[in-house]
C-alpha cells in the first residue's frame, strides 16, 4: 500500500478531505483587481454545448466555426480521484471563450497518457466528416491544463506530444516527492511556455517554494503566481479566482489575443501588479 506521502496525499487534496488545519479549502477570492483579469474572468461570448465522445467529456462553443473561426483545443487532466464533474466552472468557462475543451474521465492522469490521448482524439474529429468538429478546430494550437496530479500529467502530456501541445497550465502542481512511480514529470524538458498557478494556502501539496522550483526549471518561457486566500481545490466547482488568468494565458498563447497578452508581456504586464495575487514572476515571454 502506498504511504500518505504520495497518491493518498493527492487524493485527500483533490477530494477536499484534508482538514482545514492542513489546507484551506475555503475560497476567499477577492474581486478581480485588474482590468484584464476581470475581462477574462467574466463569461465569454460563446454559448456552450457539452457532450461525450470516445469516453471523453466535451465542452465547446455551440456555434462551432461561426464567422469562419477555428477553435484551439484545450485538453484537461483531473486531480487524483476527481472527474470533469468536479471542474464545471473552468471547463465551461474556457468553452465560452472559444476553446474546444476535451477532458479525460480518468481519475488518475499523472502519466499524461490520458491527457494526450484526449487531445489526439479531438484532433482526429477535426478530419471526420461525420463530426460536428469537422474543419472547425485549429489543431496547430493545443494546450494541456491540469489540476494537482493532472497538473504533473499536463507536463508529461506536453513532453510526449511531439510538439502537438503548444503550452501548459499546471494548477496546484504537486511537489516532486508526491509523484507516484510512473507519474514523475520534468519541467526542465518542456519546450513550450508554461504558466504555474497555485493558492497561497496550499502549503502541503503545491507551496510557493514548490512552484518557484518548477518556475526556475522552465526555459521556454514561463509565468507563476499564487492566489491569495486559495487552497488546493479552489479550481474545482466554480473555478473561483483562477478563471481570469487561465483564460487570458490560453487566449494569449493560442489565439494571439493582444488584450490577453498584456497580462503577461510588455513594459508593465498586469499580473505582477495584481494585488489579489502574490509571488508573481514572468520570464522569456514574447
Foldseek 3Di string as FASTA:
>chain_A
DDDCLALVVQVCLQVVNDDVVQFDADDPQDQFQDDLLNVQLDAAQFDWDWDDDPQKIKIAGPPFCVPNAAAEEEFEEETAPDACQQQVQQRNRLRSNRHIYIYHRDRQQLLLPSRLVRLVVLVVLCCPPVHPNPVRHDQQEYEYEYAASSLLSRQNSQLPNVNSHAEYEYELYFAQSHQDVSRHGAQLSHQHEYEYEYACRACHTRHLVRVVVSQVSHDNKYKYKHFYPHIRHCCTDNHRSNRRLVSLVSCCRRVVDVSSVQCADDPDHVVPVTPRIPPIDIDNDD
